[in-house]
Amino acid sequence: MILRFPSLAKPQIALKKALAPACIGLALTLSACSGSSTSNTGSTETAGSTETAAASYTVEHAMGTTVIDGPVKRVVVIDSPHLDALLALGITPVGATESGAENGFPTYLADQLQDTESVGSTSEPNLEKIASLDPDLIIGAKVRHEGIYEQLSAIAPTVMSEGSGTNWHEQAEITAAAVNRSAEMTDLINDLSTRADEVGEEVGAEGQTVSMVRFRPDNFRLYGPETFSGSILEEVGYDLGEKEWNEYSMMELSTENFGQIDGDLIFYTIPGEPAATTYPQVSELWKDSPAVQQGKTYEFEDETWMVGIGVLGGNEILDDLEEALS
């Protein structure tokens, strides 16, 4: 069977298909020699299982088409949205990348990753380490890993989402399709959406604008509706304002543009030490803004809001909003 992405309650971002016959042929060949089981029992595992359905299945993804012989037991993920999605489905990967060199796995997922080995950073996965784990499936993102797709496919069948972070539903869906669990991911995303509506009513989000800010060493970013944290905030009912968002649904701004931080509420994150970012300068400049004057500025955990991309991370954001604003 060919797994296609189910329609969710809210509009989804369609995957772009890379119609490359060479990649398709490679994927078909590799699925037969990857070392994964070729038994075709047709059985289905429960949601908490570390295996997927045993039958062979075909996945259409950003790099082409890949045939996977179930059951999938040893998965390596090389980007954070896919890591969140896999764990949300109750599957623990044998290997995963870290967001930065020696940064470790996201704190909110760490308890579930005690038996997972690091395979380098997301920007530079360690191919030798990945191969040493003998995976039967690798999941990554075309926007980050297109250049090493053939090398990864030589190790194990490899499936890639189109993007990473922006339009995060796409990454959740492709991860679920890769492990033959699409219906479960549909339910998880719909449950998150339902909870977001409930939290929105609880915190009085309707009619409120929010500036979602991340302070960086040389500038700051405003996050728009297609980013991970921005999309969760919009589902809650907040308005992120009319801005000139770039292709990643962000604005990259220098400190003198602090006036763009003009929401009724200001949510912000600081990766690392505040002194190493533009936060000290901007926090001096924005003193007269209405949100600051009214005490409506809220700092949240950068690792969760910016790196924890997925159903589990989304629920963490909802937890934070309830705690800070209820």
Protein backbone atom coordinates (compact mmCIF):
# COMPACT_ATOMS: atom_id res chain seq x y z
CA MET A 1 0.00 0.00 0.00
CA ILE A 2 1.03 3.62 -0.48
CA LEU A 3 0.72 5.76 2.62
CA ARG A 4 -0.61 9.24 1.91
CA PHE A 5 -1.12 11.90 4.50
CA PRO A 6 -4.58 12.04 6.08
CA SER A 7 -6.65 15.21 6.12
CA LEU A 8 -6.63 16.80 9.56
CA ALA A 9 -9.27 18.98 11.18
CA LYS A 10 -7.22 22.06 10.27
CA PRO A 11 -5.63 22.77 6.86
CA GLN A 12 -2.30 21.07 6.37
CA ILE A 13 0.72 21.96 4.27
CA ALA A 14 1.04 19.62 1.27
CA LEU A 15 4.39 17.95 0.74
CA LYS A 16 6.36 18.80 -2.40
CA LYS A 17 7.28 15.60 -4.20
CA ALA A 18 10.73 15.27 -5.66
CA LEU A 19 10.10 13.13 -8.73
CA ALA A 20 13.58 11.73 -9.20
CA PRO A 21 13.57 8.23 -10.72
CA ALA A 22 17.12 7.60 -9.57
CA CYS A 23 16.18 8.25 -5.94
CA ILE A 24 13.12 6.05 -6.28
CA GLY A 25 15.17 3.18 -7.65
CA LEU A 26 17.72 3.62 -4.91
CA ALA A 27 15.04 3.62 -2.21
CA LEU A 28 13.43 0.47 -3.58
CA THR A 29 16.75 -1.34 -3.74
CA LEU A 30 17.87 -0.26 -0.28
CA SER A 31 14.64 -1.28 1.38
CA ALA A 32 15.41 -4.86 0.37
CA CYS A 33 19.00 -4.88 1.64
CA SER A 34 18.83 -2.67 4.71
CA GLY A 35 18.95 -5.53 7.16
CA SER A 36 15.38 -5.00 8.36
CA SER A 37 12.95 -7.88 8.66
CA THR A 38 11.18 -8.98 5.47
CA SER A 39 8.46 -11.00 7.21
CA ASN A 40 4.99 -9.97 6.10
CA THR A 41 2.65 -10.96 8.90
CA GLY A 42 0.22 -8.08 8.42
CA SER A 43 0.08 -7.57 12.20
CA THR A 44 -0.42 -4.18 13.81
CA GLU A 45 1.31 -2.97 16.97
CA THR A 46 -0.24 -0.89 19.76
CA ALA A 47 0.44 2.83 20.22
CA GLY A 48 3.07 2.30 22.90
CA SER A 49 5.04 -0.26 20.95
CA THR A 50 8.59 0.25 19.71
CA GLU A 51 7.69 -1.56 16.49
CA THR A 52 5.40 -0.67 13.63
CA ALA A 53 3.16 -2.83 11.48
CA ALA A 54 5.10 -5.74 10.05
CA ALA A 55 3.89 -5.57 6.45
CA SER A 56 5.93 -3.87 3.73
CA TYR A 57 4.69 -0.36 2.93
CA THR A 58 5.62 2.54 0.65
CA VAL A 59 6.16 6.14 1.76
CA GLU A 60 6.08 9.15 -0.55
CA HIS A 61 8.25 11.95 0.85
CA ALA A 62 10.25 15.03 -0.08
CA MET A 63 13.04 13.07 -1.77
CA GLY A 64 10.91 10.56 -3.66
CA THR A 65 9.43 7.18 -2.75
CA THR A 66 10.80 4.63 -0.30
CA VAL A 67 9.67 1.06 0.35
CA ILE A 68 10.08 -0.06 3.96
CA ASP A 69 9.93 -3.65 5.14
CA GLY A 70 8.38 -3.76 8.61
CA PRO A 71 8.59 -4.20 11.44
CA VAL A 72 10.72 -1.08 11.96
CA LYS A 73 12.66 -1.57 15.18
CA ARG A 74 15.77 0.62 14.94
CA VAL A 75 15.05 4.22 13.95
CA VAL A 76 17.52 7.11 13.76
CA VAL A 77 16.14 10.67 13.60
CA ILE A 78 18.35 13.61 12.65
CA ASP A 79 16.12 16.62 13.36
CA SER A 80 14.12 17.73 16.39
CA PRO A 81 10.58 17.77 14.88
CA HIS A 82 10.92 14.11 13.94
CA LEU A 83 12.28 13.24 17.37
CA ASP A 84 9.27 14.80 19.09
CA ALA A 85 6.89 13.07 16.67
CA LEU A 86 8.47 9.65 17.13
CA LEU A 87 8.33 9.87 20.93
CA ALA A 88 4.74 11.13 20.78
CA LEU A 89 3.94 7.86 19.01
CA GLY A 90 5.59 5.87 21.78
CA ILE A 91 8.66 4.91 19.73
CA THR A 92 12.15 5.45 21.14
CA PRO A 93 14.86 5.94 18.50
CA VAL A 94 18.18 4.13 18.80
CA GLY A 95 19.92 7.33 17.69
CA ALA A 96 19.16 11.03 17.40
CA THR A 97 21.01 14.25 16.70
CA GLU A 98 21.41 17.11 19.15
CA SER A 99 20.38 20.66 18.24
CA GLY A 100 23.98 21.80 18.78
CA ALA A 101 27.32 20.18 19.41
CA GLU A 102 27.31 18.53 22.85
CA ASN A 103 24.10 20.35 23.84
CA GLY A 104 22.40 17.10 24.74
CA PHE A 105 18.85 16.13 23.93
CA PRO A 106 15.99 18.53 24.71
CA THR A 107 15.33 18.57 28.45
CA TYR A 108 11.62 17.96 28.08
CA LEU A 109 12.37 14.69 26.24
CA ALA A 110 15.47 13.57 28.13
CA ASP A 111 13.69 11.07 30.39
CA GLN A 112 12.49 9.18 27.33
CA LEU A 113 15.90 9.10 25.65
CA GLN A 114 18.07 7.34 28.21
CA ASP A 115 18.70 4.46 25.78
CA THR A 116 19.17 6.70 22.73
CA GLU A 117 22.66 7.48 21.45
CA SER A 118 23.74 10.83 20.06
CA VAL A 119 24.66 10.79 16.37
CA GLY A 120 26.15 14.28 16.21
CA SER A 121 24.51 17.63 15.67
CA THR A 122 21.44 18.27 13.53
CA SER A 123 23.49 20.42 11.18
CA GLU A 124 26.25 17.78 10.88
CA PRO A 125 25.01 14.24 11.55
CA ASN A 126 27.78 11.71 12.13
CA LEU A 127 27.34 9.17 9.32
CA GLU A 128 29.75 6.64 10.82
CA LYS A 129 27.91 6.72 14.13
CA ILE A 130 24.56 6.34 12.38
CA ALA A 131 25.84 3.32 10.44
CA SER A 132 27.23 1.72 13.61
CA LEU A 133 23.72 1.65 15.11
CA ASP A 134 22.49 -0.59 12.25
CA PRO A 135 19.22 1.30 11.75
CA ASP A 136 16.39 -0.01 9.59
CA LEU A 137 14.99 3.52 9.08
CA ILE A 138 16.43 7.06 9.06
CA ILE A 139 14.24 10.18 9.19
CA GLY A 140 15.51 13.67 8.35
CA ALA A 141 14.61 16.94 6.61
CA LYS A 142 15.35 17.87 3.00
CA VAL A 143 15.92 21.52 3.92
CA ARG A 144 18.80 20.41 6.18
CA HIS A 145 19.98 17.05 4.88
CA GLU A 146 19.37 16.88 1.13
CA GLY A 147 23.12 16.87 0.50
CA ILE A 148 23.65 13.62 2.43
CA TYR A 149 20.48 11.84 1.36
CA GLU A 150 22.28 9.30 -0.84
CA GLN A 151 24.83 8.55 1.88
CA LEU A 152 22.07 8.05 4.43
CA SER A 153 20.11 5.87 2.00
CA ALA A 154 23.18 3.65 1.60
CA ILE A 155 22.95 2.96 5.34
CA ALA A 156 19.19 2.35 5.60
CA PRO A 157 15.90 3.36 3.95
CA THR A 158 15.68 7.12 4.47
CA VAL A 159 12.58 9.31 4.54
CA MET A 160 12.71 13.11 4.56
CA SER A 161 10.24 15.86 5.27
CA GLU A 162 10.34 18.97 3.11
CA GLY A 163 10.96 21.44 5.95
CA SER A 164 11.97 21.71 9.58
CA GLY A 165 10.11 23.74 12.17
CA THR A 166 8.08 25.87 9.78
CA ASN A 167 4.78 24.10 8.97
CA TRP A 168 5.60 21.56 11.67
CA HIS A 169 2.55 19.40 10.92
CA GLU A 170 4.35 18.28 7.77
CA GLN A 171 7.25 16.89 9.77
CA ALA A 172 4.92 15.17 12.24
CA GLU A 173 2.96 13.59 9.39
CA ILE A 174 6.01 12.36 7.46
CA THR A 175 7.45 10.83 10.63
CA ALA A 176 4.20 9.01 11.30
CA ALA A 177 4.00 7.81 7.70
CA ALA A 178 7.60 6.56 7.90
CA VAL A 179 6.70 4.28 10.82
CA ASN A 180 3.23 3.41 9.46
CA ARG A 181 1.32 5.25 12.20
CA SER A 182 -0.41 8.10 10.34
CA ALA A 183 -3.83 7.66 11.92
CA GLU A 184 -2.39 7.98 15.41
CA MET A 185 -0.59 11.20 14.53
CA THR A 186 -3.83 12.61 13.13
CA ASP A 187 -5.45 11.99 16.50
CA LEU A 188 -2.53 13.52 18.41
CA ILE A 189 -2.55 16.71 16.33
CA ASN A 190 -6.32 17.04 16.61
CA ASP A 191 -6.14 16.53 20.38
CA LEU A 192 -3.51 19.27 20.62
CA SER A 193 -5.74 21.61 18.60
CA THR A 194 -8.70 20.89 20.88
CA ARG A 195 -6.62 21.57 23.96
CA ALA A 196 -5.27 24.82 22.44
CA ASP A 197 -8.85 26.05 22.02
CA GLU A 198 -9.57 25.24 25.66
CA VAL A 199 -6.43 26.97 26.92
CA GLY A 200 -7.25 29.99 24.76
CA GLU A 201 -10.59 30.39 26.50
CA GLU A 202 -8.93 29.91 29.87
CA VAL A 203 -6.32 32.66 29.33
CA GLY A 204 -8.56 35.05 27.40
CA ALA A 205 -6.51 34.98 24.20
CA GLU A 206 -9.21 36.19 21.83
CA GLY A 207 -8.65 39.78 20.71
CA GLN A 208 -5.12 39.89 22.15
CA THR A 209 -2.01 40.47 20.04
CA VAL A 210 1.31 38.82 20.93
CA SER A 211 4.90 39.54 19.96
CA MET A 212 6.84 36.25 20.01
CA VAL A 213 10.52 37.21 20.36
CA ARG A 214 13.75 35.24 20.43
CA PHE A 215 16.87 37.18 21.42
CA ARG A 216 20.03 36.20 19.57
CA PRO A 217 23.69 37.33 19.81
CA ASP A 218 23.50 39.95 17.02
CA ASN A 219 19.77 40.54 16.52
CA PHE A 220 16.36 39.37 17.58
CA ARG A 221 13.67 37.45 15.78
CA LEU A 222 9.93 37.89 15.69
CA TYR A 223 8.12 34.63 15.03
CA GLY A 224 5.12 34.48 12.70
CA PRO A 225 2.11 32.22 12.28
CA GLU A 226 3.88 29.49 10.28
CA THR A 227 6.64 28.94 12.85
CA PHE A 228 6.20 26.28 15.51
CA SER A 229 5.61 28.51 18.54
CA GLY A 230 3.70 31.03 16.42
CA SER A 231 1.33 28.38 15.08
CA ILE A 232 0.57 27.13 18.60
CA LEU A 233 -0.14 30.68 19.76
CA GLU A 234 -2.50 31.25 16.85
CA GLU A 235 -4.33 28.02 17.63
CA VAL A 236 -4.73 29.29 21.20
CA GLY A 237 -6.38 32.37 19.70
CA TYR A 238 -3.68 35.03 19.84
CA ASP A 239 -3.01 37.36 16.90
CA LEU A 240 0.65 37.72 15.88
CA GLY A 241 -0.02 40.90 13.94
CA GLU A 242 0.47 41.93 10.34
CA LYS A 243 4.20 41.80 9.61
CA GLU A 244 6.48 41.37 6.62
CA TRP A 245 7.33 37.76 7.44
CA ASN A 246 10.14 36.11 5.47
CA GLU A 247 9.98 32.68 3.83
CA TYR A 248 10.43 31.09 7.27
CA SER A 249 7.59 33.18 8.76
CA MET A 250 10.05 35.29 10.77
CA MET A 251 11.52 38.78 10.94
CA GLU A 252 15.25 39.21 11.62
CA LEU A 253 15.67 42.60 13.29
CA SER A 254 18.45 44.70 14.78
CA THR A 255 18.05 46.34 18.17
CA GLU A 256 16.99 49.73 16.79
CA ASN A 257 13.87 48.04 15.39
CA PHE A 258 12.61 47.23 18.88
CA GLY A 259 9.40 49.11 18.05
CA GLN A 260 8.31 46.07 16.02
CA ILE A 261 7.78 44.34 19.36
CA ASP A 262 4.34 45.89 19.68
CA GLY A 263 1.97 43.16 20.90
CA ASP A 264 -0.49 43.52 23.77
CA LEU A 265 1.65 40.81 25.36
CA ILE A 266 5.32 40.03 24.82
CA PHE A 267 6.49 36.42 24.98
CA TYR A 268 10.23 35.91 24.64
CA THR A 269 13.01 33.35 24.93
CA ILE A 270 16.75 33.73 25.52
CA PRO A 271 19.04 30.92 24.35
CA GLY A 272 22.02 30.75 26.69
CA GLU A 273 23.21 33.64 28.80
CA PRO A 274 21.18 36.86 28.43
CA ALA A 275 24.33 38.99 28.33
CA ALA A 276 25.43 37.15 25.20
CA THR A 277 22.28 38.22 23.33
CA THR A 278 20.56 41.48 22.40
CA TYR A 279 18.16 41.14 25.34
CA PRO A 280 19.96 43.68 27.62
CA GLN A 281 19.90 46.38 24.94
CA VAL A 282 16.32 45.80 23.85
CA SER A 283 14.98 45.53 27.39
CA GLU A 284 16.38 49.02 28.03
CA LEU A 285 14.81 50.41 24.87
CA TRP A 286 11.30 48.93 25.27
CA LYS A 287 10.62 50.30 28.76
CA ASP A 288 7.89 52.65 27.55
CA SER A 289 5.95 50.10 25.50
CA PRO A 290 2.40 49.40 26.81
CA ALA A 291 3.06 45.68 27.37
CA VAL A 292 6.11 46.43 29.53
CA GLN A 293 4.35 49.20 31.42
CA GLN A 294 1.47 46.83 32.21
CA GLY A 295 3.71 43.95 33.25
CA LYS A 296 2.67 41.78 30.32
CA THR A 297 6.07 40.40 29.39
CA TYR A 298 6.73 36.69 29.86
CA GLU A 299 9.95 34.75 29.45
CA PHE A 300 9.66 31.09 28.44
CA GLU A 301 12.11 28.24 28.01
CA ASP A 302 13.95 28.57 24.71
CA GLU A 303 14.63 24.86 24.29
CA THR A 304 10.93 24.02 24.45
CA TRP A 305 9.44 26.94 22.52
CA MET A 306 12.07 27.03 19.78
CA VAL A 307 13.56 23.53 19.59
CA GLY A 308 10.79 21.33 21.04
CA ILE A 309 8.88 21.17 17.78
CA GLY A 310 5.90 18.83 17.74
CA VAL A 311 2.94 17.47 19.65
CA LEU A 312 4.88 17.00 22.89
CA GLY A 313 6.52 20.41 22.65
CA GLY A 314 3.17 21.98 21.79
CA ASN A 315 1.63 20.59 24.94
CA GLU A 316 4.58 21.98 26.91
CA ILE A 317 3.80 25.43 25.48
CA LEU A 318 0.17 25.07 26.53
CA ASP A 319 1.31 24.07 30.03
CA ASP A 320 3.49 27.20 30.19
CA LEU A 321 0.62 29.46 29.08
CA GLU A 322 -1.72 28.00 31.68
CA GLU A 323 0.84 28.43 34.44
CA ALA A 324 1.81 32.00 33.47
CA LEU A 325 -1.55 33.45 32.46
CA SER A 326 -4.38 31.55 34.13
